[in-house]
Amino acid sequence: MEKYFYIAVGGSLGSIARYWVGANVSGRLGTRFPYGTFVINITACALIGFTLTYLGSHFELSPAWRFLIPVGFVGAYSTFSTYEWETLSTLRSGAFMLAGLYSVGSLVLGLVAVWGGSLLAEVFR
């Protein structure tokens, strides 16, 4: 039950951070390019890479940190970072074709799914 508490706390903080960073970056740089989301996704990638590597090599740290930061905070801040971490992990395991399939498949099918969802929403307008 304790892990769900840490995930919830991290998730709430990650959601707030996502809104704050997105609004501030977009407010400063404009919305012609999705700068806010871009900055969020790149910083989330750096954060998940750092925390999972650091926590993986410091076994003396409480497992609660794994639930609080990469699962809760980064999970709510951006799921793009999880996608990138999983791609890196697959590459590190030597499964290059699988990593390529996952990467390209996620990009293409994700775009198709967003488009399909958008079209479906237009039907129910």
N, C-alpha and C. Protein backbone atom coordinates (compact mmCIF):
# COMPACT_ATOMS: atom_id res chain seq x y z
N MET A 1 0.82 -1.19 0.00
CA MET A 1 0.00 0.00 0.00
C MET A 1 0.87 1.26 0.00
N GLU A 2 2.03 1.16 0.63
CA GLU A 2 2.93 2.30 0.73
C GLU A 2 3.40 2.77 -0.65
N LYS A 3 3.64 1.81 -1.57
CA LYS A 3 4.12 2.20 -2.89
C LYS A 3 3.09 3.05 -3.63
N TYR A 4 1.80 2.76 -3.42
CA TYR A 4 0.76 3.55 -4.08
C TYR A 4 0.74 4.99 -3.56
N PHE A 5 1.07 5.14 -2.30
CA PHE A 5 1.16 6.49 -1.73
C PHE A 5 2.28 7.28 -2.42
N TYR A 6 3.44 6.65 -2.56
CA TYR A 6 4.57 7.32 -3.20
C TYR A 6 4.29 7.62 -4.67
N ILE A 7 3.63 6.70 -5.36
CA ILE A 7 3.26 6.93 -6.76
C ILE A 7 2.28 8.10 -6.85
N ALA A 8 1.31 8.15 -5.95
CA ALA A 8 0.32 9.23 -5.96
C ALA A 8 0.96 10.58 -5.67
N VAL A 9 1.85 10.63 -4.70
CA VAL A 9 2.53 11.89 -4.37
C VAL A 9 3.40 12.33 -5.56
N GLY A 10 4.19 11.42 -6.09
CA GLY A 10 5.03 11.74 -7.24
C GLY A 10 4.19 12.14 -8.44
N GLY A 11 3.09 11.45 -8.67
CA GLY A 11 2.22 11.75 -9.80
C GLY A 11 1.58 13.13 -9.69
N SER A 12 1.16 13.48 -8.50
CA SER A 12 0.56 14.81 -8.34
C SER A 12 1.60 15.90 -8.57
N LEU A 13 2.80 15.70 -8.05
CA LEU A 13 3.87 16.68 -8.27
C LEU A 13 4.28 16.74 -9.74
N GLY A 14 4.33 15.58 -10.39
CA GLY A 14 4.68 15.54 -11.81
C GLY A 14 3.65 16.25 -12.68
N SER A 15 2.37 16.08 -12.35
CA SER A 15 1.31 16.75 -13.10
C SER A 15 1.40 18.26 -12.95
N ILE A 16 1.64 18.70 -11.74
CA ILE A 16 1.78 20.15 -11.50
C ILE A 16 3.00 20.68 -12.24
N ALA A 17 4.11 19.95 -12.17
CA ALA A 17 5.33 20.38 -12.86
C ALA A 17 5.11 20.43 -14.36
N ARG A 18 4.40 19.46 -14.90
CA ARG A 18 4.12 19.44 -16.34
C ARG A 18 3.36 20.70 -16.75
N TYR A 19 2.33 21.03 -16.00
CA TYR A 19 1.55 22.23 -16.31
C TYR A 19 2.42 23.48 -16.19
N TRP A 20 3.16 23.59 -15.11
CA TRP A 20 3.96 24.78 -14.85
C TRP A 20 5.04 24.97 -15.92
N VAL A 21 5.80 23.91 -16.20
CA VAL A 21 6.86 24.01 -17.21
C VAL A 21 6.26 24.31 -18.58
N GLY A 22 5.22 23.58 -18.95
CA GLY A 22 4.60 23.79 -20.26
C GLY A 22 4.09 25.20 -20.43
N ALA A 23 3.40 25.71 -19.42
CA ALA A 23 2.85 27.06 -19.50
C ALA A 23 3.95 28.11 -19.56
N ASN A 24 4.97 27.96 -18.76
CA ASN A 24 6.06 28.94 -18.75
C ASN A 24 6.87 28.93 -20.04
N VAL A 25 7.20 27.76 -20.53
CA VAL A 25 7.99 27.68 -21.76
C VAL A 25 7.17 28.20 -22.94
N SER A 26 5.92 27.78 -23.04
CA SER A 26 5.06 28.25 -24.14
C SER A 26 4.81 29.75 -24.04
N GLY A 27 4.67 30.24 -22.82
CA GLY A 27 4.46 31.67 -22.62
C GLY A 27 5.65 32.50 -23.07
N ARG A 28 6.83 31.96 -22.91
CA ARG A 28 8.05 32.69 -23.29
C ARG A 28 8.43 32.51 -24.75
N LEU A 29 8.20 31.31 -25.29
CA LEU A 29 8.65 31.03 -26.65
C LEU A 29 7.52 30.98 -27.67
N GLY A 30 6.28 31.03 -27.23
CA GLY A 30 5.15 30.99 -28.15
C GLY A 30 4.65 29.57 -28.37
N THR A 31 3.64 29.48 -29.22
CA THR A 31 2.99 28.18 -29.45
C THR A 31 3.05 27.73 -30.90
N ARG A 32 3.80 28.44 -31.72
CA ARG A 32 3.92 28.01 -33.13
C ARG A 32 4.52 26.61 -33.22
N PHE A 33 5.51 26.34 -32.38
CA PHE A 33 6.11 25.01 -32.22
C PHE A 33 5.78 24.59 -30.79
N PRO A 34 5.49 23.31 -30.55
CA PRO A 34 5.14 22.89 -29.18
C PRO A 34 6.36 22.85 -28.25
N TYR A 35 6.93 24.02 -28.00
CA TYR A 35 8.14 24.12 -27.18
C TYR A 35 7.93 23.55 -25.78
N GLY A 36 6.77 23.83 -25.18
CA GLY A 36 6.52 23.35 -23.82
C GLY A 36 6.59 21.84 -23.74
N THR A 37 5.87 21.16 -24.61
CA THR A 37 5.87 19.70 -24.61
C THR A 37 7.24 19.16 -24.97
N PHE A 38 7.91 19.81 -25.90
CA PHE A 38 9.25 19.38 -26.30
C PHE A 38 10.21 19.43 -25.11
N VAL A 39 10.20 20.55 -24.39
CA VAL A 39 11.07 20.70 -23.21
C VAL A 39 10.69 19.67 -22.15
N ILE A 40 9.41 19.45 -21.93
CA ILE A 40 8.96 18.46 -20.95
C ILE A 40 9.48 17.08 -21.32
N ASN A 41 9.30 16.68 -22.58
CA ASN A 41 9.72 15.34 -22.99
C ASN A 41 11.23 15.15 -22.88
N ILE A 42 12.01 16.14 -23.27
CA ILE A 42 13.46 16.01 -23.21
C ILE A 42 13.95 16.01 -21.76
N THR A 43 13.41 16.90 -20.92
CA THR A 43 13.83 16.91 -19.51
C THR A 43 13.39 15.63 -18.80
N ALA A 44 12.23 15.11 -19.17
CA ALA A 44 11.78 13.85 -18.57
C ALA A 44 12.70 12.70 -18.96
N CYS A 45 13.17 12.70 -20.20
CA CYS A 45 14.12 11.67 -20.63
C CYS A 45 15.40 11.73 -19.82
N ALA A 46 15.91 12.94 -19.62
CA ALA A 46 17.12 13.10 -18.83
C ALA A 46 16.88 12.66 -17.39
N LEU A 47 15.74 13.02 -16.84
CA LEU A 47 15.43 12.68 -15.45
C LEU A 47 15.25 11.18 -15.25
N ILE A 48 14.54 10.51 -16.16
CA ILE A 48 14.33 9.06 -15.99
C ILE A 48 15.64 8.32 -16.22
N GLY A 49 16.45 8.79 -17.16
CA GLY A 49 17.76 8.17 -17.38
C GLY A 49 18.64 8.27 -16.15
N PHE A 50 18.67 9.46 -15.55
CA PHE A 50 19.48 9.67 -14.35
C PHE A 50 18.94 8.85 -13.18
N THR A 51 17.65 8.96 -12.89
CA THR A 51 17.12 8.31 -11.68
C THR A 51 17.17 6.79 -11.76
N LEU A 52 16.81 6.22 -12.90
CA LEU A 52 16.84 4.75 -12.97
C LEU A 52 18.26 4.21 -12.94
N THR A 53 19.20 4.93 -13.54
CA THR A 53 20.60 4.51 -13.49
C THR A 53 21.15 4.67 -12.07
N TYR A 54 20.88 5.81 -11.47
CA TYR A 54 21.37 6.08 -10.11
C TYR A 54 20.76 5.11 -9.10
N LEU A 55 19.45 4.95 -9.16
CA LEU A 55 18.78 4.05 -8.21
C LEU A 55 19.19 2.60 -8.44
N GLY A 56 19.50 2.25 -9.69
CA GLY A 56 19.94 0.89 -10.00
C GLY A 56 21.31 0.56 -9.47
N SER A 57 22.11 1.59 -9.20
CA SER A 57 23.47 1.34 -8.71
C SER A 57 23.62 1.66 -7.22
N HIS A 58 22.59 2.15 -6.59
CA HIS A 58 22.61 2.47 -5.16
C HIS A 58 21.53 1.67 -4.45
N PHE A 59 21.84 0.40 -4.22
CA PHE A 59 20.87 -0.52 -3.66
C PHE A 59 20.50 -0.20 -2.21
N GLU A 60 21.32 0.62 -1.56
CA GLU A 60 21.04 0.96 -0.16
C GLU A 60 19.89 1.96 -0.04
N LEU A 61 19.53 2.60 -1.14
CA LEU A 61 18.42 3.56 -1.11
C LEU A 61 17.08 2.82 -1.05
N SER A 62 16.15 3.41 -0.38
CA SER A 62 14.82 2.81 -0.24
C SER A 62 14.16 2.64 -1.60
N PRO A 63 13.47 1.50 -1.81
CA PRO A 63 12.73 1.29 -3.06
C PRO A 63 11.63 2.34 -3.26
N ALA A 64 11.27 3.04 -2.20
CA ALA A 64 10.25 4.08 -2.30
C ALA A 64 10.65 5.15 -3.31
N TRP A 65 11.95 5.41 -3.45
CA TRP A 65 12.42 6.42 -4.40
C TRP A 65 12.06 6.04 -5.83
N ARG A 66 12.08 4.75 -6.14
CA ARG A 66 11.73 4.28 -7.49
C ARG A 66 10.25 4.54 -7.77
N PHE A 67 9.41 4.37 -6.75
CA PHE A 67 7.99 4.64 -6.94
C PHE A 67 7.70 6.14 -7.00
N LEU A 68 8.40 6.91 -6.19
CA LEU A 68 8.17 8.34 -6.09
C LEU A 68 8.62 9.09 -7.36
N ILE A 69 9.86 8.84 -7.80
CA ILE A 69 10.42 9.66 -8.89
C ILE A 69 10.13 9.09 -10.28
N PRO A 70 10.73 7.96 -10.68
CA PRO A 70 10.50 7.55 -12.07
C PRO A 70 9.07 7.09 -12.37
N VAL A 71 8.43 6.40 -11.43
CA VAL A 71 7.07 5.91 -11.70
C VAL A 71 6.05 7.02 -11.50
N GLY A 72 6.07 7.66 -10.33
CA GLY A 72 5.08 8.68 -10.03
C GLY A 72 5.33 10.00 -10.72
N PHE A 73 6.45 10.66 -10.35
CA PHE A 73 6.72 12.00 -10.87
C PHE A 73 6.91 12.00 -12.39
N VAL A 74 7.89 11.22 -12.86
CA VAL A 74 8.19 11.24 -14.29
C VAL A 74 7.03 10.64 -15.10
N GLY A 75 6.36 9.64 -14.53
CA GLY A 75 5.21 9.05 -15.22
C GLY A 75 4.11 10.05 -15.47
N ALA A 76 3.87 10.94 -14.53
CA ALA A 76 2.86 11.97 -14.72
C ALA A 76 3.40 13.15 -15.52
N TYR A 77 4.68 13.41 -15.39
CA TYR A 77 5.32 14.53 -16.09
C TYR A 77 5.37 14.24 -17.60
N SER A 78 5.72 13.01 -17.96
CA SER A 78 5.80 12.63 -19.38
C SER A 78 5.99 11.14 -19.52
N THR A 79 5.17 10.49 -20.34
CA THR A 79 5.40 9.07 -20.60
C THR A 79 6.39 8.86 -21.74
N PHE A 80 6.71 9.92 -22.45
CA PHE A 80 7.68 9.83 -23.53
C PHE A 80 9.02 9.33 -23.01
N SER A 81 9.37 9.76 -21.82
CA SER A 81 10.65 9.34 -21.24
C SER A 81 10.68 7.84 -20.99
N THR A 82 9.55 7.26 -20.60
CA THR A 82 9.49 5.81 -20.39
C THR A 82 9.70 5.09 -21.71
N TYR A 83 9.08 5.58 -22.75
CA TYR A 83 9.26 5.02 -24.10
C TYR A 83 10.73 5.06 -24.50
N GLU A 84 11.40 6.17 -24.26
CA GLU A 84 12.81 6.29 -24.61
C GLU A 84 13.68 5.37 -23.75
N TRP A 85 13.36 5.25 -22.47
CA TRP A 85 14.13 4.37 -21.58
C TRP A 85 14.00 2.92 -22.03
N GLU A 86 12.78 2.51 -22.38
CA GLU A 86 12.56 1.14 -22.82
C GLU A 86 13.28 0.88 -24.15
N THR A 87 13.32 1.86 -25.02
CA THR A 87 14.05 1.72 -26.28
C THR A 87 15.55 1.55 -26.00
N LEU A 88 16.09 2.38 -25.10
CA LEU A 88 17.50 2.27 -24.74
C LEU A 88 17.80 0.91 -24.11
N SER A 89 16.95 0.47 -23.21
CA SER A 89 17.16 -0.83 -22.56
C SER A 89 17.14 -1.96 -23.57
N THR A 90 16.25 -1.88 -24.55
CA THR A 90 16.19 -2.90 -25.60
C THR A 90 17.45 -2.87 -26.46
N LEU A 91 17.92 -1.66 -26.78
CA LEU A 91 19.17 -1.54 -27.54
C LEU A 91 20.35 -2.12 -26.75
N ARG A 92 20.41 -1.79 -25.45
CA ARG A 92 21.51 -2.29 -24.61
C ARG A 92 21.52 -3.81 -24.52
N SER A 93 20.34 -4.42 -24.64
CA SER A 93 20.28 -5.88 -24.57
C SER A 93 20.69 -6.52 -25.89
N GLY A 94 20.94 -5.69 -26.90
CA GLY A 94 21.39 -6.20 -28.19
C GLY A 94 20.27 -6.51 -29.16
N ALA A 95 19.04 -6.25 -28.78
CA ALA A 95 17.89 -6.53 -29.63
C ALA A 95 17.60 -5.31 -30.52
N PHE A 96 18.48 -5.07 -31.48
CA PHE A 96 18.40 -3.87 -32.31
C PHE A 96 17.16 -3.84 -33.18
N MET A 97 16.82 -4.97 -33.77
CA MET A 97 15.61 -5.02 -34.60
C MET A 97 14.36 -4.76 -33.77
N LEU A 98 14.31 -5.35 -32.60
CA LEU A 98 13.16 -5.15 -31.72
C LEU A 98 13.06 -3.69 -31.28
N ALA A 99 14.19 -3.09 -30.96
CA ALA A 99 14.20 -1.68 -30.57
C ALA A 99 13.73 -0.80 -31.72
N GLY A 100 14.17 -1.10 -32.92
CA GLY A 100 13.73 -0.35 -34.10
C GLY A 100 12.25 -0.52 -34.35
N LEU A 101 11.78 -1.75 -34.22
CA LEU A 101 10.35 -2.02 -34.41
C LEU A 101 9.52 -1.27 -33.36
N TYR A 102 9.96 -1.31 -32.13
CA TYR A 102 9.26 -0.62 -31.05
C TYR A 102 9.25 0.89 -31.28
N SER A 103 10.40 1.42 -31.66
CA SER A 103 10.54 2.86 -31.86
C SER A 103 9.69 3.35 -33.03
N VAL A 104 9.86 2.73 -34.18
CA VAL A 104 9.11 3.14 -35.37
C VAL A 104 7.62 2.82 -35.20
N GLY A 105 7.34 1.64 -34.65
CA GLY A 105 5.94 1.27 -34.42
C GLY A 105 5.23 2.21 -33.48
N SER A 106 5.90 2.62 -32.42
CA SER A 106 5.30 3.56 -31.47
C SER A 106 5.03 4.91 -32.12
N LEU A 107 5.98 5.36 -32.91
CA LEU A 107 5.81 6.65 -33.59
C LEU A 107 4.67 6.59 -34.60
N VAL A 108 4.72 5.62 -35.49
CA VAL A 108 3.72 5.54 -36.56
C VAL A 108 2.35 5.18 -36.01
N LEU A 109 2.26 4.11 -35.22
CA LEU A 109 0.96 3.70 -34.69
C LEU A 109 0.41 4.71 -33.69
N GLY A 110 1.29 5.37 -32.95
CA GLY A 110 0.84 6.42 -32.04
C GLY A 110 0.21 7.57 -32.80
N LEU A 111 0.85 7.97 -33.90
CA LEU A 111 0.30 9.04 -34.72
C LEU A 111 -1.03 8.62 -35.35
N VAL A 112 -1.10 7.39 -35.83
CA VAL A 112 -2.35 6.87 -36.40
C VAL A 112 -3.44 6.83 -35.33
N ALA A 113 -3.09 6.41 -34.11
CA ALA A 113 -4.07 6.34 -33.03
C ALA A 113 -4.58 7.73 -32.63
N VAL A 114 -3.67 8.70 -32.56
CA VAL A 114 -4.09 10.07 -32.26
C VAL A 114 -5.02 10.59 -33.35
N TRP A 115 -4.66 10.33 -34.59
CA TRP A 115 -5.47 10.76 -35.72
C TRP A 115 -6.84 10.07 -35.68
N GLY A 116 -6.84 8.76 -35.45
CA GLY A 116 -8.10 8.01 -35.38
C GLY A 116 -8.97 8.49 -34.24
N GLY A 117 -8.38 8.73 -33.10
CA GLY A 117 -9.14 9.24 -31.96
C GLY A 117 -9.73 10.60 -32.25
N SER A 118 -8.96 11.43 -32.93
CA SER A 118 -9.44 12.75 -33.32
C SER A 118 -10.61 12.65 -34.30
N LEU A 119 -10.48 11.77 -35.28
CA LEU A 119 -11.57 11.57 -36.24
C LEU A 119 -12.82 11.05 -35.56
N LEU A 120 -12.65 10.12 -34.63
CA LEU A 120 -13.78 9.58 -33.88
C LEU A 120 -14.48 10.66 -33.07
N ALA A 121 -13.69 11.53 -32.44
CA ALA A 121 -14.26 12.63 -31.66
C ALA A 121 -15.06 13.57 -32.56
N GLU A 122 -14.59 13.77 -33.79
CA GLU A 122 -15.31 14.64 -34.72
C GLU A 122 -16.66 14.05 -35.09
N VAL A 123 -16.76 12.72 -35.14
CA VAL A 123 -18.03 12.06 -35.44
C VAL A 123 -19.05 12.34 -34.33
N PHE A 124 -18.59 12.40 -33.10
CA PHE A 124 -19.47 12.60 -31.94
C PHE A 124 -19.64 14.07 -31.55
N ARG A 125 -19.23 14.98 -32.41
CA ARG A 125 -19.37 16.41 -32.11
C ARG A 125 -20.76 16.82 -31.88
